[in-house]
């Protein structure tokens, strides 16, 4: 099984130079153990997506290392990374008239040669992935005609067909109604592979994540279990909102109630 280590990552957008105070990410370190579900939380614009992009070999850090087990991902090919890391983003791809089955089949591409055709194994993995996200029978539907929530589940199915050793999710519950938010995160936990996910809903993060990292202004400001991280003081300092924290009555993980002024 595979672990992920981001060590002292500093990164700035192109054109911002190398002055340390201008970095969008500054000395950010994150560890995801094999089989662990780790959440990345923080306010909008805090650097969550930027850090994930460094992790999956999209944005190269100015400083620091990204290692999959003991291999530096930035010294490997993009194909090597695609064979090991699957990514589910907030944005949907341009499908150009592709069917659901054709979109999910893209997940098999890193494992195939340039002129290889689809095999029976490919077909089996594609249909298993669609069934696992509740889209059995959607094979011939055009991707572009689906709802936002259905598209999100297709993209997760594509990631599952990729047979990754590590999963990276950027706000995976966007576009999903409560039922499918819960079902998607339950499915991710059942995969038992290392997962790093930015999650907007802190109650979902508390319910499903083994550990959390809090990022604010490009720095990791807290990490630990949901019980250790999700305190009223931290939420006040990082998100600027008062909250009541208690234990979920059935499962015991932290439950957050935001306090608003009438």
C-alpha atoms as a PDB file:
ATOM      1  CA  UNK A   1       0.000   0.000   0.000  1.00  0.00           C
ATOM      2  CA  UNK A   2       1.060   3.558  -0.747  1.00  0.00           C
ATOM      3  CA  UNK A   3       1.682   6.638   1.396  1.00  0.00           C
ATOM      4  CA  UNK A   4       2.016  10.300   0.408  1.00  0.00           C
ATOM      5  CA  UNK A   5       4.394  12.829   1.911  1.00  0.00           C
ATOM      6  CA  UNK A   6       4.472  16.540   1.112  1.00  0.00           C
ATOM      7  CA  UNK A   7       7.445  18.108   2.879  1.00  0.00           C
ATOM      8  CA  UNK A   8       7.884  21.886   3.313  1.00  0.00           C
ATOM      9  CA  UNK A   9       6.025  22.799   0.127  1.00  0.00           C
ATOM     10  CA  UNK A  10       6.339  26.414  -1.010  1.00  0.00           C
ATOM     11  CA  UNK A  11       4.717  27.524  -4.253  1.00  0.00           C
ATOM     12  CA  UNK A  12       3.740  30.747  -5.995  1.00  0.00           C
ATOM     13  CA  UNK A  13       1.746  31.330  -9.183  1.00  0.00           C
ATOM     14  CA  UNK A  14       3.737  32.157 -12.304  1.00  0.00           C
ATOM     15  CA  UNK A  15       4.847  35.766 -12.395  1.00  0.00           C
ATOM     16  CA  UNK A  16       4.922  36.190  -8.612  1.00  0.00           C
ATOM     17  CA  UNK A  17       8.667  35.657  -8.279  1.00  0.00           C
ATOM     18  CA  UNK A  18      10.514  33.773  -5.584  1.00  0.00           C
ATOM     19  CA  UNK A  19      10.190  36.213  -2.670  1.00  0.00           C
ATOM     20  CA  UNK A  20       9.064  34.065   0.246  1.00  0.00           C
ATOM     21  CA  UNK A  21       6.391  36.491   1.422  1.00  0.00           C
ATOM     22  CA  UNK A  22       4.699  36.231  -1.964  1.00  0.00           C
ATOM     23  CA  UNK A  23       4.272  32.451  -1.870  1.00  0.00           C
ATOM     24  CA  UNK A  24       0.703  31.195  -1.914  1.00  0.00           C
ATOM     25  CA  UNK A  25       1.915  28.042  -0.125  1.00  0.00           C
ATOM     26  CA  UNK A  26       4.589  28.349   2.536  1.00  0.00           C
ATOM     27  CA  UNK A  27       6.389  25.418   4.184  1.00  0.00           C
ATOM     28  CA  UNK A  28       3.310  23.193   4.028  1.00  0.00           C
ATOM     29  CA  UNK A  29       3.829  19.587   5.139  1.00  0.00           C
ATOM     30  CA  UNK A  30       1.178  16.839   4.908  1.00  0.00           C
ATOM     31  CA  UNK A  31       1.377  13.073   5.418  1.00  0.00           C
ATOM     32  CA  UNK A  32      -1.163  10.488   4.260  1.00  0.00           C
ATOM     33  CA  UNK A  33      -0.481   6.961   5.476  1.00  0.00           C
ATOM     34  CA  UNK A  34      -1.441   3.899   3.457  1.00  0.00           C
ATOM     35  CA  UNK A  35      -5.204   3.364   3.756  1.00  0.00           C
ATOM     36  CA  UNK A  36      -5.757   6.651   5.609  1.00  0.00           C
ATOM     37  CA  UNK A  37      -8.485   9.184   4.739  1.00  0.00           C
ATOM     38  CA  UNK A  38      -7.034  12.656   5.384  1.00  0.00           C
ATOM     39  CA  UNK A  39      -9.050  15.851   5.032  1.00  0.00           C
ATOM     40  CA  UNK A  40      -7.723  19.291   4.086  1.00  0.00           C
ATOM     41  CA  UNK A  41      -9.895  22.132   5.399  1.00  0.00           C
ATOM     42  CA  UNK A  42      -9.626  25.895   5.390  1.00  0.00           C
ATOM     43  CA  UNK A  43     -11.349  29.074   4.193  1.00  0.00           C
ATOM     44  CA  UNK A  44     -11.854  29.854   0.521  1.00  0.00           C
ATOM     45  CA  UNK A  45      -8.564  31.003  -1.004  1.00  0.00           C
ATOM     46  CA  UNK A  46      -6.465  29.485   1.770  1.00  0.00           C
ATOM     47  CA  UNK A  47      -4.441  27.243  -0.575  1.00  0.00           C
ATOM     48  CA  UNK A  48      -6.278  23.908  -0.473  1.00  0.00           C
ATOM     49  CA  UNK A  49      -6.496  23.411  -4.227  1.00  0.00           C
ATOM     50  CA  UNK A  50      -2.971  24.744  -4.761  1.00  0.00           C
ATOM     51  CA  UNK A  51      -1.581  22.172  -2.333  1.00  0.00           C
ATOM     52  CA  UNK A  52      -3.512  19.348  -3.986  1.00  0.00           C
ATOM     53  CA  UNK A  53      -2.157  20.420  -7.380  1.00  0.00           C
ATOM     54  CA  UNK A  54       1.380  20.091  -6.056  1.00  0.00           C
ATOM     55  CA  UNK A  55       0.520  16.622  -4.741  1.00  0.00           C
ATOM     56  CA  UNK A  56      -0.719  15.249  -8.050  1.00  0.00           C
ATOM     57  CA  UNK A  57       2.070  16.691 -10.185  1.00  0.00           C
ATOM     58  CA  UNK A  58       0.250  19.629 -11.742  1.00  0.00           C
ATOM     59  CA  UNK A  59       1.948  22.596 -10.054  1.00  0.00           C
ATOM     60  CA  UNK A  60       5.660  22.150  -9.370  1.00  0.00           C
ATOM     61  CA  UNK A  61       6.709  23.512  -5.950  1.00  0.00           C
ATOM     62  CA  UNK A  62       9.454  26.108  -5.744  1.00  0.00           C
ATOM     63  CA  UNK A  63      10.728  24.357  -2.623  1.00  0.00           C
ATOM     64  CA  UNK A  64       9.986  21.090  -0.869  1.00  0.00           C
ATOM     65  CA  UNK A  65       9.309  17.544  -2.019  1.00  0.00           C
ATOM     66  CA  UNK A  66       6.302  15.411  -2.919  1.00  0.00           C
ATOM     67  CA  UNK A  67       6.940  11.702  -2.385  1.00  0.00           C
ATOM     68  CA  UNK A  68       4.791   8.693  -3.123  1.00  0.00           C
ATOM     69  CA  UNK A  69       6.315   6.136  -0.782  1.00  0.00           C
ATOM     70  CA  UNK A  70      10.027   6.879  -1.387  1.00  0.00           C
ATOM     71  CA  UNK A  71       9.700   8.196  -4.946  1.00  0.00           C
ATOM     72  CA  UNK A  72       9.821  11.915  -5.718  1.00  0.00           C
ATOM     73  CA  UNK A  73       6.827  12.394  -8.046  1.00  0.00           C
ATOM     74  CA  UNK A  74       8.484  15.339  -9.781  1.00  0.00           C
ATOM     75  CA  UNK A  75      11.322  13.062 -10.886  1.00  0.00           C
ATOM     76  CA  UNK A  76       8.881  10.584 -12.421  1.00  0.00           C
ATOM     77  CA  UNK A  77       6.929  10.768 -15.672  1.00  0.00           C
ATOM     78  CA  UNK A  78       3.335  11.932 -15.844  1.00  0.00           C
ATOM     79  CA  UNK A  79       2.397   8.401 -16.952  1.00  0.00           C
ATOM     80  CA  UNK A  80       4.092   6.922 -13.867  1.00  0.00           C
ATOM     81  CA  UNK A  81       2.019   9.226 -11.667  1.00  0.00           C
ATOM     82  CA  UNK A  82      -1.216   8.538 -13.549  1.00  0.00           C
ATOM     83  CA  UNK A  83      -0.740   4.813 -12.981  1.00  0.00           C
ATOM     84  CA  UNK A  84      -0.663   5.438  -9.226  1.00  0.00           C
ATOM     85  CA  UNK A  85      -2.621   8.617  -8.465  1.00  0.00           C
ATOM     86  CA  UNK A  86      -6.252   9.295  -9.430  1.00  0.00           C
ATOM     87  CA  UNK A  87      -7.726  12.775  -9.125  1.00  0.00           C
ATOM     88  CA  UNK A  88     -11.328  13.966  -8.825  1.00  0.00           C
ATOM     89  CA  UNK A  89     -11.567  17.717  -9.407  1.00  0.00           C
ATOM     90  CA  UNK A  90     -14.300  20.290  -8.863  1.00  0.00           C
ATOM     91  CA  UNK A  91     -14.446  21.132 -12.576  1.00  0.00           C
ATOM     92  CA  UNK A  92     -15.908  18.754 -15.134  1.00  0.00           C
ATOM     93  CA  UNK A  93     -13.989  17.858 -18.300  1.00  0.00           C
ATOM     94  CA  UNK A  94     -15.159  18.842 -21.777  1.00  0.00           C
ATOM     95  CA  UNK A  95     -16.598  15.537 -22.946  1.00  0.00           C
ATOM     96  CA  UNK A  96     -17.220  16.527 -26.613  1.00  0.00           C
ATOM     97  CA  UNK A  97     -20.153  14.163 -27.071  1.00  0.00           C
ATOM     98  CA  UNK A  98     -18.614  11.240 -25.179  1.00  0.00           C
ATOM     99  CA  UNK A  99     -20.828   8.724 -23.448  1.00  0.00           C
ATOM    100  CA  UNK A 100     -20.573   7.921 -19.757  1.00  0.00           C
ATOM    101  CA  UNK A 101     -18.827   4.635 -20.575  1.00  0.00           C
ATOM    102  CA  UNK A 102     -16.261   6.433 -22.757  1.00  0.00           C
ATOM    103  CA  UNK A 103     -15.502   8.966 -20.015  1.00  0.00           C
ATOM    104  CA  UNK A 104     -14.991   6.228 -17.415  1.00  0.00           C
ATOM    105  CA  UNK A 105     -12.840   4.274 -19.890  1.00  0.00           C
ATOM    106  CA  UNK A 106     -10.351   7.168 -19.805  1.00  0.00           C
ATOM    107  CA  UNK A 107      -9.332   5.847 -16.402  1.00  0.00           C
ATOM    108  CA  UNK A 108      -7.772   2.820 -18.117  1.00  0.00           C
ATOM    109  CA  UNK A 109      -5.532   4.943 -20.396  1.00  0.00           C
ATOM    110  CA  UNK A 110      -2.434   5.093 -18.117  1.00  0.00           C
ATOM    111  CA  UNK A 111      -2.291   1.293 -18.036  1.00  0.00           C
ATOM    112  CA  UNK A 112      -2.447   0.776 -21.805  1.00  0.00           C
ATOM    113  CA  UNK A 113      -0.039   1.094 -24.695  1.00  0.00           C
ATOM    114  CA  UNK A 114      -0.566   3.620 -27.484  1.00  0.00           C
ATOM    115  CA  UNK A 115      -2.272   1.148 -29.814  1.00  0.00           C
ATOM    116  CA  UNK A 116      -3.857  -1.171 -27.248  1.00  0.00           C
ATOM    117  CA  UNK A 117      -7.580  -1.781 -27.549  1.00  0.00           C
ATOM    118  CA  UNK A 118     -10.012  -2.315 -24.712  1.00  0.00           C
ATOM    119  CA  UNK A 119      -9.914  -5.736 -23.109  1.00  0.00           C
ATOM    120  CA  UNK A 120     -12.498  -7.764 -21.240  1.00  0.00           C
ATOM    121  CA  UNK A 121     -10.747  -6.731 -18.015  1.00  0.00           C
ATOM    122  CA  UNK A 122     -11.102  -3.053 -18.976  1.00  0.00           C
ATOM    123  CA  UNK A 123     -14.821  -3.509 -19.657  1.00  0.00           C
ATOM    124  CA  UNK A 124     -15.331  -5.325 -16.354  1.00  0.00           C
ATOM    125  CA  UNK A 125     -13.534  -2.613 -14.365  1.00  0.00           C
ATOM    126  CA  UNK A 126     -15.516   0.149 -16.102  1.00  0.00           C
ATOM    127  CA  UNK A 127     -18.878  -1.444 -15.365  1.00  0.00           C
ATOM    128  CA  UNK A 128     -17.889  -2.286 -11.786  1.00  0.00           C
ATOM    129  CA  UNK A 129     -16.897   1.344 -11.242  1.00  0.00           C
ATOM    130  CA  UNK A 130     -20.206   2.623 -12.605  1.00  0.00           C
ATOM    131  CA  UNK A 131     -22.172   0.215 -10.457  1.00  0.00           C
ATOM    132  CA  UNK A 132     -20.220   1.223  -7.350  1.00  0.00           C
ATOM    133  CA  UNK A 133     -21.237   4.886  -7.791  1.00  0.00           C
ATOM    134  CA  UNK A 134     -24.885   4.055  -8.450  1.00  0.00           C
ATOM    135  CA  UNK A 135     -24.841   4.593 -12.219  1.00  0.00           C
ATOM    136  CA  UNK A 136     -25.407   1.099 -13.519  1.00  0.00           C
ATOM    137  CA  UNK A 137     -27.229   1.317 -16.838  1.00  0.00           C
ATOM    138  CA  UNK A 138     -25.932   4.838 -17.642  1.00  0.00           C
ATOM    139  CA  UNK A 139     -23.263   3.535 -20.048  1.00  0.00           C
ATOM    140  CA  UNK A 140     -24.752   5.009 -23.224  1.00  0.00           C
ATOM    141  CA  UNK A 141     -25.928   8.313 -21.753  1.00  0.00           C
ATOM    142  CA  UNK A 142     -24.091  11.374 -23.059  1.00  0.00           C
ATOM    143  CA  UNK A 143     -21.954  12.839 -20.295  1.00  0.00           C
ATOM    144  CA  UNK A 144     -22.960  16.399 -21.211  1.00  0.00           C
ATOM    145  CA  UNK A 145     -26.661  15.665 -20.562  1.00  0.00           C
ATOM    146  CA  UNK A 146     -26.151  14.565 -16.949  1.00  0.00           C
ATOM    147  CA  UNK A 147     -26.845  16.608 -13.841  1.00  0.00           C
ATOM    148  CA  UNK A 148     -23.939  18.042 -11.880  1.00  0.00           C
ATOM    149  CA  UNK A 149     -24.239  15.327  -9.259  1.00  0.00           C
ATOM    150  CA  UNK A 150     -24.318  12.558 -11.858  1.00  0.00           C
ATOM    151  CA  UNK A 151     -21.255  14.023 -13.584  1.00  0.00           C
ATOM    152  CA  UNK A 152     -19.417  14.061 -10.265  1.00  0.00           C
ATOM    153  CA  UNK A 153     -20.159  10.368  -9.773  1.00  0.00           C
ATOM    154  CA  UNK A 154     -18.995   9.560 -13.316  1.00  0.00           C
ATOM    155  CA  UNK A 155     -15.668  11.280 -12.610  1.00  0.00           C
ATOM    156  CA  UNK A 156     -15.301   9.247  -9.426  1.00  0.00           C
ATOM    157  CA  UNK A 157     -16.043   6.100 -11.439  1.00  0.00           C
ATOM    158  CA  UNK A 158     -13.291   7.101 -13.872  1.00  0.00           C
ATOM    159  CA  UNK A 159     -10.905   7.397 -10.935  1.00  0.00           C
ATOM    160  CA  UNK A 160     -11.938   3.960  -9.636  1.00  0.00           C
ATOM    161  CA  UNK A 161     -11.399   2.393 -13.076  1.00  0.00           C
ATOM    162  CA  UNK A 162      -7.866   3.783 -12.917  1.00  0.00           C
ATOM    163  CA  UNK A 163      -7.129   1.388 -10.004  1.00  0.00           C
ATOM    164  CA  UNK A 164      -5.075   4.006  -8.153  1.00  0.00           C
ATOM    165  CA  UNK A 165      -2.822   3.522  -5.169  1.00  0.00           C
ATOM    166  CA  UNK A 166      -3.633   7.061  -3.968  1.00  0.00           C
ATOM    167  CA  UNK A 167      -6.776   9.148  -4.411  1.00  0.00           C
ATOM    168  CA  UNK A 168      -6.857  12.959  -4.412  1.00  0.00           C
ATOM    169  CA  UNK A 169     -10.242  14.695  -4.198  1.00  0.00           C
ATOM    170  CA  UNK A 170     -10.893  18.422  -4.539  1.00  0.00           C
ATOM    171  CA  UNK A 171     -14.263  19.220  -2.928  1.00  0.00           C
ATOM    172  CA  UNK A 172     -15.723  15.845  -3.984  1.00  0.00           C
ATOM    173  CA  UNK A 173     -19.184  16.509  -2.529  1.00  0.00           C
ATOM    174  CA  UNK A 174     -19.816  19.616  -4.621  1.00  0.00           C
ATOM    175  CA  UNK A 175     -22.934  19.230  -6.789  1.00  0.00           C
ATOM    176  CA  UNK A 176     -24.181  16.263  -4.726  1.00  0.00           C
ATOM    177  CA  UNK A 177     -27.366  16.058  -2.676  1.00  0.00           C
ATOM    178  CA  UNK A 178     -27.059  14.771   0.933  1.00  0.00           C
ATOM    179  CA  UNK A 179     -27.678  11.129   0.006  1.00  0.00           C
ATOM    180  CA  UNK A 180     -24.893  10.999  -2.545  1.00  0.00           C
ATOM    181  CA  UNK A 181     -22.532  13.084  -0.406  1.00  0.00           C
ATOM    182  CA  UNK A 182     -22.749  10.360   2.224  1.00  0.00           C
ATOM    183  CA  UNK A 183     -22.615   7.489  -0.266  1.00  0.00           C
ATOM    184  CA  UNK A 184     -19.572   8.911  -2.068  1.00  0.00           C
ATOM    185  CA  UNK A 185     -17.590   9.380   1.135  1.00  0.00           C
ATOM    186  CA  UNK A 186     -18.613   5.940   2.419  1.00  0.00           C
ATOM    187  CA  UNK A 187     -17.383   4.450  -0.841  1.00  0.00           C
ATOM    188  CA  UNK A 188     -14.066   6.291  -0.590  1.00  0.00           C
ATOM    189  CA  UNK A 189     -13.526   4.963   2.928  1.00  0.00           C
ATOM    190  CA  UNK A 190     -14.285   1.408   1.791  1.00  0.00           C
ATOM    191  CA  UNK A 191     -11.574   1.610  -0.869  1.00  0.00           C
ATOM    192  CA  UNK A 192      -8.945   1.402   1.884  1.00  0.00           C
ATOM    193  CA  UNK A 193      -6.357   3.372  -0.095  1.00  0.00           C
ATOM    194  CA  UNK A 194      -4.603   6.548   0.954  1.00  0.00           C
ATOM    195  CA  UNK A 195      -6.866   9.531   0.259  1.00  0.00           C
ATOM    196  CA  UNK A 196      -6.272  13.272   0.521  1.00  0.00           C
ATOM    197  CA  UNK A 197      -9.412  15.364   0.097  1.00  0.00           C
ATOM    198  CA  UNK A 198     -10.243  19.026   0.453  1.00  0.00           C
ATOM    199  CA  UNK A 199     -13.658  19.175   2.074  1.00  0.00           C
ATOM    200  CA  UNK A 200     -15.816  22.287   2.446  1.00  0.00           C
ATOM    201  CA  UNK A 201     -18.394  20.790   4.821  1.00  0.00           C
ATOM    202  CA  UNK A 202     -16.685  20.446   8.197  1.00  0.00           C
ATOM    203  CA  UNK A 203     -19.327  18.078   9.563  1.00  0.00           C
ATOM    204  CA  UNK A 204     -18.634  15.678   6.682  1.00  0.00           C
ATOM    205  CA  UNK A 205     -14.899  16.047   7.326  1.00  0.00           C
ATOM    206  CA  UNK A 206     -15.455  15.200  11.001  1.00  0.00           C
ATOM    207  CA  UNK A 207     -17.575  12.171  10.133  1.00  0.00           C
ATOM    208  CA  UNK A 208     -15.325  10.536   7.544  1.00  0.00           C
ATOM    209  CA  UNK A 209     -11.709  11.656   7.961  1.00  0.00           C
ATOM    210  CA  UNK A 210      -9.124   9.891  10.108  1.00  0.00           C
ATOM    211  CA  UNK A 211      -7.107  13.096  10.403  1.00  0.00           C
ATOM    212  CA  UNK A 212      -7.427  16.716   9.327  1.00  0.00           C
ATOM    213  CA  UNK A 213      -4.998  19.408   8.236  1.00  0.00           C
ATOM    214  CA  UNK A 214      -6.088  23.036   8.519  1.00  0.00           C
ATOM    215  CA  UNK A 215      -4.597  25.460   5.996  1.00  0.00           C
ATOM    216  CA  UNK A 216      -4.865  29.244   6.281  1.00  0.00           C
ATOM    217  CA  UNK A 217      -3.041  31.859   4.206  1.00  0.00           C
ATOM    218  CA  UNK A 218      -0.960  29.099   2.609  1.00  0.00           C
ATOM    219  CA  UNK A 219       0.311  27.603   5.873  1.00  0.00           C
ATOM    220  CA  UNK A 220      -0.690  24.477   7.757  1.00  0.00           C
ATOM    221  CA  UNK A 221      -1.866  25.884  11.089  1.00  0.00           C
ATOM    222  CA  UNK A 222      -3.216  22.713  12.766  1.00  0.00           C
ATOM    223  CA  UNK A 223      -3.371  18.965  12.277  1.00  0.00           C
ATOM    224  CA  UNK A 224      -4.694  15.965  14.155  1.00  0.00           C
ATOM    225  CA  UNK A 225      -7.844  13.938  14.593  1.00  0.00           C
ATOM    226  CA  UNK A 226     -11.192  15.693  14.097  1.00  0.00           C
ATOM    227  CA  UNK A 227     -11.590  15.787  17.899  1.00  0.00           C
ATOM    228  CA  UNK A 228      -8.211  17.504  18.250  1.00  0.00           C
ATOM    229  CA  UNK A 229      -8.629  19.977  15.390  1.00  0.00           C
ATOM    230  CA  UNK A 230     -12.276  21.027  15.365  1.00  0.00           C
ATOM    231  CA  UNK A 231     -12.409  23.301  18.376  1.00  0.00           C
ATOM    232  CA  UNK A 232     -14.430  26.472  18.824  1.00  0.00           C
ATOM    233  CA  UNK A 233     -11.223  28.486  19.191  1.00  0.00           C
ATOM    234  CA  UNK A 234      -9.729  27.202  15.937  1.00  0.00           C
ATOM    235  CA  UNK A 235     -12.936  27.753  13.978  1.00  0.00           C
ATOM    236  CA  UNK A 236     -13.143  31.283  15.345  1.00  0.00           C
ATOM    237  CA  UNK A 237      -9.506  32.056  14.496  1.00  0.00           C
ATOM    238  CA  UNK A 238      -9.422  30.429  11.048  1.00  0.00           C
ATOM    239  CA  UNK A 239     -12.963  30.831   9.723  1.00  0.00           C
ATOM    240  CA  UNK A 240     -14.002  33.896  11.715  1.00  0.00           C
ATOM    241  CA  UNK A 241     -17.241  32.304  12.896  1.00  0.00           C
ATOM    242  CA  UNK A 242     -18.467  31.254  16.322  1.00  0.00           C
ATOM    243  CA  UNK A 243     -19.502  27.625  16.647  1.00  0.00           C
ATOM    244  CA  UNK A 244     -20.875  25.192  19.199  1.00  0.00           C
ATOM    245  CA  UNK A 245     -18.999  21.871  19.202  1.00  0.00           C
ATOM    246  CA  UNK A 246     -20.544  18.756  20.704  1.00  0.00           C
ATOM    247  CA  UNK A 247     -20.460  15.003  20.055  1.00  0.00           C
ATOM    248  CA  UNK A 248     -22.654  13.401  17.436  1.00  0.00           C
ATOM    249  CA  UNK A 249     -25.353  11.552  19.419  1.00  0.00           C
ATOM    250  CA  UNK A 250     -24.972   8.287  17.470  1.00  0.00           C
ATOM    251  CA  UNK A 251     -21.331   8.117  16.409  1.00  0.00           C
ATOM    252  CA  UNK A 252     -19.367  10.353  18.775  1.00  0.00           C
ATOM    253  CA  UNK A 253     -17.371  12.396  16.263  1.00  0.00           C
ATOM    254  CA  UNK A 254     -17.464  16.206  16.597  1.00  0.00           C
ATOM    255  CA  UNK A 255     -20.630  17.958  15.456  1.00  0.00           C
ATOM    256  CA  UNK A 256     -20.475  21.630  14.532  1.00  0.00           C
ATOM    257  CA  UNK A 257     -23.368  24.059  14.881  1.00  0.00           C
ATOM    258  CA  UNK A 258     -22.598  27.488  13.510  1.00  0.00           C
ATOM    259  CA  UNK A 259     -23.764  30.368  15.685  1.00  0.00           C
ATOM    260  CA  UNK A 260     -25.345  33.182  13.720  1.00  0.00           C
ATOM    261  CA  UNK A 261     -26.649  36.486  14.982  1.00  0.00           C
ATOM    262  CA  UNK A 262     -30.415  37.016  14.442  1.00  0.00           C
END
